[in-house]
N, C-alpha and C. Protein backbone atom coordinates (compact mmCIF):
# COMPACT_ATOMS: atom_id res chain seq x y z
N UNK A 1 154.09 -57.41 62.45
CA UNK A 1 155.34 -56.68 62.34
C UNK A 1 156.11 -57.22 61.15
N UNK A 2 156.59 -56.32 60.31
CA UNK A 2 157.33 -56.71 59.11
C UNK A 2 158.81 -56.62 59.39
N UNK A 3 159.54 -57.72 59.20
CA UNK A 3 160.98 -57.72 59.45
C UNK A 3 161.71 -57.69 58.12
N UNK A 4 161.97 -58.80 57.58
CA UNK A 4 162.63 -58.94 56.30
C UNK A 4 162.16 -60.22 55.68
N UNK A 5 162.41 -60.40 54.40
CA UNK A 5 161.91 -61.58 53.69
C UNK A 5 162.42 -62.87 54.32
N UNK A 6 163.72 -62.95 54.60
CA UNK A 6 164.28 -64.17 55.19
C UNK A 6 163.72 -64.41 56.58
N UNK A 7 163.59 -63.36 57.37
CA UNK A 7 163.08 -63.51 58.73
C UNK A 7 161.62 -63.93 58.71
N UNK A 8 160.82 -63.34 57.81
CA UNK A 8 159.41 -63.71 57.73
C UNK A 8 159.26 -65.18 57.38
N UNK A 9 160.07 -65.67 56.46
CA UNK A 9 159.99 -67.07 56.08
C UNK A 9 160.34 -67.97 57.26
N UNK A 10 161.41 -67.65 57.97
CA UNK A 10 161.81 -68.46 59.12
C UNK A 10 160.73 -68.40 60.20
N UNK A 11 160.21 -67.21 60.50
CA UNK A 11 159.18 -67.09 61.52
C UNK A 11 157.90 -67.81 61.12
N UNK A 12 157.53 -67.76 59.83
CA UNK A 12 156.35 -68.48 59.37
C UNK A 12 156.50 -69.97 59.58
N UNK A 13 157.67 -70.51 59.27
CA UNK A 13 157.90 -71.94 59.42
C UNK A 13 157.88 -72.34 60.88
N UNK A 14 158.49 -71.50 61.75
CA UNK A 14 158.53 -71.83 63.17
C UNK A 14 157.14 -71.70 63.79
N UNK A 15 156.43 -70.62 63.47
CA UNK A 15 155.11 -70.39 64.07
C UNK A 15 154.05 -71.36 63.56
N UNK A 16 154.12 -71.72 62.30
CA UNK A 16 153.09 -72.54 61.70
C UNK A 16 153.73 -73.65 60.89
N UNK A 17 154.21 -74.71 61.54
CA UNK A 17 154.93 -75.76 60.82
C UNK A 17 154.05 -76.55 59.87
N UNK A 18 152.75 -76.50 60.03
CA UNK A 18 151.88 -77.29 59.17
C UNK A 18 151.36 -76.49 57.98
N UNK A 19 151.87 -75.25 57.77
CA UNK A 19 151.40 -74.46 56.63
C UNK A 19 151.84 -75.13 55.34
N UNK A 20 150.96 -75.09 54.36
CA UNK A 20 151.22 -75.75 53.08
C UNK A 20 151.49 -74.72 52.01
N UNK A 21 152.37 -75.03 51.08
CA UNK A 21 152.55 -74.22 49.89
C UNK A 21 151.44 -74.57 48.92
N UNK A 22 151.42 -73.88 47.81
CA UNK A 22 150.44 -74.23 46.78
C UNK A 22 150.75 -75.61 46.21
N UNK A 23 152.05 -75.99 46.26
CA UNK A 23 152.43 -77.33 45.81
C UNK A 23 152.22 -78.32 46.94
N UNK A 24 151.91 -79.53 46.60
CA UNK A 24 151.75 -80.56 47.61
C UNK A 24 153.11 -81.18 47.89
N UNK A 25 153.50 -81.19 49.17
CA UNK A 25 154.79 -81.75 49.56
C UNK A 25 154.56 -82.96 50.45
N UNK A 26 155.50 -83.86 50.42
CA UNK A 26 155.43 -85.01 51.31
C UNK A 26 155.82 -84.62 52.72
N UNK A 27 155.54 -85.50 53.66
CA UNK A 27 155.85 -85.22 55.08
C UNK A 27 157.35 -85.02 55.29
N UNK A 28 158.16 -85.85 54.64
CA UNK A 28 159.61 -85.73 54.78
C UNK A 28 160.09 -84.39 54.26
N UNK A 29 159.57 -83.98 53.13
CA UNK A 29 159.98 -82.71 52.51
C UNK A 29 159.60 -81.53 53.42
N UNK A 30 158.42 -81.58 54.04
CA UNK A 30 157.99 -80.52 54.94
C UNK A 30 158.91 -80.44 56.16
N UNK A 31 159.23 -81.59 56.73
CA UNK A 31 160.12 -81.61 57.89
C UNK A 31 161.52 -81.12 57.52
N UNK A 32 161.99 -81.51 56.35
CA UNK A 32 163.31 -81.06 55.90
C UNK A 32 163.32 -79.56 55.68
N UNK A 33 162.28 -79.01 55.07
CA UNK A 33 162.19 -77.57 54.86
C UNK A 33 162.14 -76.82 56.20
N UNK A 34 161.43 -77.37 57.15
CA UNK A 34 161.36 -76.74 58.48
C UNK A 34 162.73 -76.77 59.16
N UNK A 35 163.40 -77.92 59.09
CA UNK A 35 164.74 -78.03 59.67
C UNK A 35 165.71 -77.07 58.99
N UNK A 36 165.64 -76.96 57.67
CA UNK A 36 166.53 -76.08 56.92
C UNK A 36 166.29 -74.62 57.27
N UNK A 37 165.03 -74.24 57.47
CA UNK A 37 164.72 -72.85 57.84
C UNK A 37 165.25 -72.52 59.23
N UNK A 38 165.25 -73.50 60.11
CA UNK A 38 165.71 -73.26 61.48
C UNK A 38 167.23 -73.36 61.56
N UNK A 39 167.84 -74.36 60.93
CA UNK A 39 169.28 -74.60 61.06
C UNK A 39 170.09 -74.00 59.92
N UNK A 40 169.43 -73.53 58.89
CA UNK A 40 170.12 -73.08 57.68
C UNK A 40 171.17 -72.00 57.84
N UNK A 41 170.84 -70.85 58.44
CA UNK A 41 171.84 -69.77 58.49
C UNK A 41 173.12 -70.17 59.21
N UNK A 42 173.01 -70.82 60.35
CA UNK A 42 174.21 -71.23 61.09
C UNK A 42 175.00 -72.27 60.33
N UNK A 43 174.31 -73.19 59.67
CA UNK A 43 174.98 -74.23 58.91
C UNK A 43 175.75 -73.64 57.74
N UNK A 44 175.17 -72.68 57.03
CA UNK A 44 175.84 -72.05 55.90
C UNK A 44 177.09 -71.29 56.37
N UNK A 45 176.97 -70.56 57.46
CA UNK A 45 178.12 -69.82 57.98
C UNK A 45 179.21 -70.78 58.43
N UNK A 46 178.83 -71.86 59.09
CA UNK A 46 179.81 -72.82 59.59
C UNK A 46 180.54 -73.50 58.42
N UNK A 47 179.82 -73.86 57.36
CA UNK A 47 180.45 -74.50 56.21
C UNK A 47 181.31 -73.52 55.43
N UNK A 48 180.94 -72.25 55.42
CA UNK A 48 181.71 -71.24 54.70
C UNK A 48 183.05 -70.97 55.37
N UNK A 49 183.20 -71.37 56.61
CA UNK A 49 184.44 -71.11 57.35
C UNK A 49 185.51 -72.16 57.09
N UNK A 50 185.27 -73.10 56.21
CA UNK A 50 186.26 -74.13 55.90
C UNK A 50 187.16 -73.60 54.79
N UNK A 51 188.33 -73.10 55.17
CA UNK A 51 189.27 -72.55 54.20
C UNK A 51 190.64 -73.20 54.39
N UNK A 52 191.62 -72.71 53.66
CA UNK A 52 192.95 -73.33 53.69
C UNK A 52 193.56 -73.28 55.09
N UNK A 53 193.45 -72.13 55.76
CA UNK A 53 194.02 -72.00 57.10
C UNK A 53 193.37 -72.96 58.09
N UNK A 54 192.08 -73.14 57.96
CA UNK A 54 191.36 -74.06 58.85
C UNK A 54 191.81 -75.50 58.61
N UNK A 55 191.93 -75.88 57.36
CA UNK A 55 192.32 -77.25 57.04
C UNK A 55 193.77 -77.53 57.43
N UNK A 56 194.66 -76.56 57.23
CA UNK A 56 196.06 -76.75 57.61
C UNK A 56 196.18 -76.88 59.13
N UNK A 57 195.47 -76.02 59.85
CA UNK A 57 195.49 -76.09 61.31
C UNK A 57 194.93 -77.41 61.81
N UNK A 58 193.82 -77.85 61.21
CA UNK A 58 193.23 -79.13 61.61
C UNK A 58 194.18 -80.29 61.32
N UNK A 59 194.85 -80.25 60.19
CA UNK A 59 195.82 -81.30 59.85
C UNK A 59 196.99 -81.34 60.81
N UNK A 60 197.52 -80.17 61.15
CA UNK A 60 198.64 -80.11 62.09
C UNK A 60 198.21 -80.56 63.49
N UNK A 61 197.02 -80.16 63.91
CA UNK A 61 196.52 -80.60 65.22
C UNK A 61 196.33 -82.11 65.26
N UNK A 62 195.80 -82.65 64.17
CA UNK A 62 195.61 -84.09 64.12
C UNK A 62 196.92 -84.85 64.14
N UNK A 63 197.93 -84.32 63.44
CA UNK A 63 199.23 -84.98 63.43
C UNK A 63 199.90 -84.90 64.80
N UNK A 64 199.68 -83.80 65.50
CA UNK A 64 200.32 -83.62 66.81
C UNK A 64 199.59 -84.36 67.92
N UNK A 65 198.28 -84.21 67.98
CA UNK A 65 197.51 -84.70 69.13
C UNK A 65 196.73 -85.98 68.86
N UNK A 66 196.57 -86.37 67.60
CA UNK A 66 195.82 -87.59 67.29
C UNK A 66 194.35 -87.46 67.68
N UNK A 67 193.82 -88.49 68.31
CA UNK A 67 192.41 -88.50 68.70
C UNK A 67 192.17 -88.02 70.14
N UNK A 68 193.20 -87.51 70.78
CA UNK A 68 193.01 -87.10 72.19
C UNK A 68 192.10 -85.89 72.33
N UNK A 69 191.95 -85.08 71.30
CA UNK A 69 191.11 -83.88 71.37
C UNK A 69 189.71 -84.09 70.80
N UNK A 70 189.35 -85.32 70.46
CA UNK A 70 188.05 -85.57 69.83
C UNK A 70 186.89 -85.22 70.77
N UNK A 71 187.05 -85.46 72.06
CA UNK A 71 186.00 -85.12 73.02
C UNK A 71 185.80 -83.62 73.07
N UNK A 72 186.89 -82.87 73.06
CA UNK A 72 186.79 -81.42 73.05
C UNK A 72 186.10 -80.93 71.78
N UNK A 73 186.39 -81.53 70.64
CA UNK A 73 185.74 -81.15 69.40
C UNK A 73 184.24 -81.42 69.46
N UNK A 74 183.87 -82.56 70.01
CA UNK A 74 182.45 -82.88 70.12
C UNK A 74 181.70 -81.89 71.01
N UNK A 75 182.41 -81.32 71.98
CA UNK A 75 181.79 -80.31 72.85
C UNK A 75 181.76 -78.95 72.16
N UNK A 76 182.81 -78.60 71.43
CA UNK A 76 182.92 -77.27 70.85
C UNK A 76 182.12 -77.07 69.56
N UNK A 77 181.93 -78.10 68.76
CA UNK A 77 181.20 -77.93 67.51
C UNK A 77 179.78 -77.40 67.74
N UNK A 78 179.00 -77.94 68.67
CA UNK A 78 177.67 -77.35 68.91
C UNK A 78 177.75 -75.91 69.43
N UNK A 79 178.74 -75.60 70.24
CA UNK A 79 178.88 -74.24 70.76
C UNK A 79 179.17 -73.27 69.61
N UNK A 80 180.07 -73.63 68.71
CA UNK A 80 180.38 -72.78 67.56
C UNK A 80 179.15 -72.64 66.67
N UNK A 81 178.44 -73.73 66.43
CA UNK A 81 177.24 -73.69 65.60
C UNK A 81 176.19 -72.75 66.21
N UNK A 82 175.94 -72.88 67.50
CA UNK A 82 174.92 -72.06 68.16
C UNK A 82 175.33 -70.59 68.14
N UNK A 83 176.59 -70.30 68.38
CA UNK A 83 177.07 -68.92 68.36
C UNK A 83 176.90 -68.29 66.99
N UNK A 84 177.30 -69.01 65.95
CA UNK A 84 177.16 -68.49 64.60
C UNK A 84 175.69 -68.36 64.20
N UNK A 85 174.88 -69.32 64.61
CA UNK A 85 173.45 -69.27 64.32
C UNK A 85 172.81 -68.04 64.96
N UNK A 86 173.11 -67.79 66.23
CA UNK A 86 172.54 -66.63 66.92
C UNK A 86 173.01 -65.32 66.30
N UNK A 87 174.27 -65.25 65.90
CA UNK A 87 174.79 -64.04 65.28
C UNK A 87 174.10 -63.77 63.94
N UNK A 88 173.93 -64.80 63.14
CA UNK A 88 173.26 -64.64 61.85
C UNK A 88 171.80 -64.22 62.05
N UNK A 89 171.11 -64.87 62.98
CA UNK A 89 169.70 -64.51 63.23
C UNK A 89 169.57 -63.09 63.77
N UNK A 90 170.49 -62.68 64.62
CA UNK A 90 170.47 -61.31 65.14
C UNK A 90 170.66 -60.31 64.01
N UNK A 91 171.58 -60.60 63.10
CA UNK A 91 171.79 -59.72 61.95
C UNK A 91 170.59 -59.67 61.02
N UNK A 92 169.94 -60.82 60.79
CA UNK A 92 168.75 -60.85 59.94
C UNK A 92 167.62 -60.07 60.58
N UNK A 93 167.42 -60.26 61.85
CA UNK A 93 166.29 -59.63 62.55
C UNK A 93 166.46 -58.12 62.68
N UNK A 94 167.66 -57.67 63.06
CA UNK A 94 167.87 -56.24 63.31
C UNK A 94 168.31 -55.47 62.08
N UNK A 95 168.75 -56.17 61.04
CA UNK A 95 169.28 -55.55 59.83
C UNK A 95 170.50 -54.66 60.16
N UNK A 96 171.28 -55.04 61.18
CA UNK A 96 172.48 -54.31 61.56
C UNK A 96 173.61 -55.31 61.76
N UNK A 97 174.83 -54.80 61.62
CA UNK A 97 176.00 -55.63 61.85
C UNK A 97 176.36 -55.68 63.32
N UNK A 98 177.35 -56.51 63.63
CA UNK A 98 177.75 -56.71 65.02
C UNK A 98 178.29 -55.42 65.64
N UNK A 99 179.19 -54.74 64.96
CA UNK A 99 179.76 -53.50 65.51
C UNK A 99 178.70 -52.43 65.71
N UNK A 100 177.78 -52.34 64.77
CA UNK A 100 176.70 -51.35 64.87
C UNK A 100 175.80 -51.63 66.07
N UNK A 101 175.50 -52.89 66.31
CA UNK A 101 174.69 -53.25 67.47
C UNK A 101 175.42 -52.97 68.77
N UNK A 102 176.71 -53.31 68.83
CA UNK A 102 177.50 -53.04 70.04
C UNK A 102 177.57 -51.54 70.29
N UNK A 103 177.78 -50.76 69.23
CA UNK A 103 177.86 -49.31 69.37
C UNK A 103 176.54 -48.72 69.87
N UNK A 104 175.42 -49.21 69.37
CA UNK A 104 174.14 -48.65 69.78
C UNK A 104 173.75 -49.06 71.20
N UNK A 105 174.20 -50.21 71.66
CA UNK A 105 173.82 -50.67 73.01
C UNK A 105 174.84 -50.34 74.09
N UNK A 106 176.13 -50.31 73.73
CA UNK A 106 177.17 -50.13 74.75
C UNK A 106 178.00 -48.86 74.58
N UNK A 107 177.81 -48.13 73.49
CA UNK A 107 178.53 -46.88 73.29
C UNK A 107 179.58 -46.99 72.21
N UNK A 108 180.06 -45.81 71.77
CA UNK A 108 180.99 -45.80 70.63
C UNK A 108 182.37 -46.40 70.93
N UNK A 109 182.85 -46.29 72.16
CA UNK A 109 184.17 -46.85 72.46
C UNK A 109 184.16 -48.37 72.29
N UNK A 110 183.14 -49.03 72.83
CA UNK A 110 183.04 -50.49 72.69
C UNK A 110 182.75 -50.87 71.24
N UNK A 111 182.01 -50.03 70.52
CA UNK A 111 181.76 -50.28 69.11
C UNK A 111 183.03 -50.26 68.29
N UNK A 112 183.89 -49.24 68.54
CA UNK A 112 185.16 -49.16 67.82
C UNK A 112 186.11 -50.28 68.23
N UNK A 113 186.09 -50.65 69.48
CA UNK A 113 186.92 -51.77 69.92
C UNK A 113 186.50 -53.07 69.23
N UNK A 114 185.20 -53.30 69.13
CA UNK A 114 184.70 -54.50 68.44
C UNK A 114 185.04 -54.45 66.95
N UNK A 115 184.91 -53.26 66.35
CA UNK A 115 185.23 -53.12 64.93
C UNK A 115 186.71 -53.38 64.68
N UNK A 116 187.58 -52.90 65.55
CA UNK A 116 189.01 -53.14 65.43
C UNK A 116 189.34 -54.62 65.56
N UNK A 117 188.70 -55.29 66.51
CA UNK A 117 188.91 -56.73 66.68
C UNK A 117 188.46 -57.50 65.44
N UNK A 118 187.33 -57.09 64.86
CA UNK A 118 186.84 -57.75 63.65
C UNK A 118 187.81 -57.53 62.48
N UNK A 119 188.32 -56.31 62.34
CA UNK A 119 189.27 -56.02 61.26
C UNK A 119 190.55 -56.84 61.41
N UNK A 120 191.07 -56.95 62.61
CA UNK A 120 192.28 -57.76 62.84
C UNK A 120 192.01 -59.23 62.52
N UNK A 121 190.85 -59.72 62.94
CA UNK A 121 190.48 -61.11 62.67
C UNK A 121 190.33 -61.36 61.17
N UNK A 122 189.71 -60.42 60.46
CA UNK A 122 189.55 -60.57 59.00
C UNK A 122 190.89 -60.54 58.30
N UNK A 123 191.78 -59.65 58.75
CA UNK A 123 193.13 -59.59 58.15
C UNK A 123 193.86 -60.92 58.37
N UNK A 124 193.76 -61.46 59.56
CA UNK A 124 194.38 -62.77 59.83
C UNK A 124 193.79 -63.86 58.98
N UNK A 125 192.47 -63.83 58.79
CA UNK A 125 191.81 -64.83 57.93
C UNK A 125 192.26 -64.72 56.49
N UNK A 126 192.41 -63.49 55.99
CA UNK A 126 192.90 -63.30 54.61
C UNK A 126 194.33 -63.80 54.45
N UNK A 127 195.16 -63.53 55.42
CA UNK A 127 196.55 -64.01 55.36
C UNK A 127 196.58 -65.53 55.34
N UNK A 128 195.75 -66.16 56.18
CA UNK A 128 195.75 -67.63 56.23
C UNK A 128 195.20 -68.23 54.94
N UNK A 129 194.22 -67.57 54.31
CA UNK A 129 193.69 -68.08 53.04
C UNK A 129 194.71 -67.92 51.92
N UNK A 130 195.39 -66.78 51.89
CA UNK A 130 196.38 -66.55 50.84
C UNK A 130 197.58 -67.48 51.01
N UNK A 131 197.95 -67.77 52.26
CA UNK A 131 199.08 -68.64 52.49
C UNK A 131 198.79 -70.08 52.06
N UNK A 132 197.52 -70.45 51.99
CA UNK A 132 197.16 -71.81 51.57
C UNK A 132 197.14 -71.99 50.06
N UNK A 133 197.25 -70.90 49.32
CA UNK A 133 197.16 -70.97 47.85
C UNK A 133 198.43 -71.42 47.25
């Protein structure tokens, strides 16, 4: 089954971790490439979310609460990473966006509701980024 170039590469690495390129790679390099293929999309999305609004909020939370929320952060970071990773992989595999998938599986009303929520969230993100400039 043919999916997409990125999906085929990820599936090849997962299905056959010992596959070799034409170039000879060391064991560490092979393991790193395998880890990057598996963790890459979620990691890129998570790092791309570091903007002015995020940093200002983190600074204010740190000034207010100190280290009392560190345990909560340690619990939530993997949850956020897994959620973003699954969303990115779903988009790569299906070649559809979130609203389109919701609309096709749950109907147009839920699709429009999800699209509206995404638009409001994006508008809020733009406002927070512009306010940090």
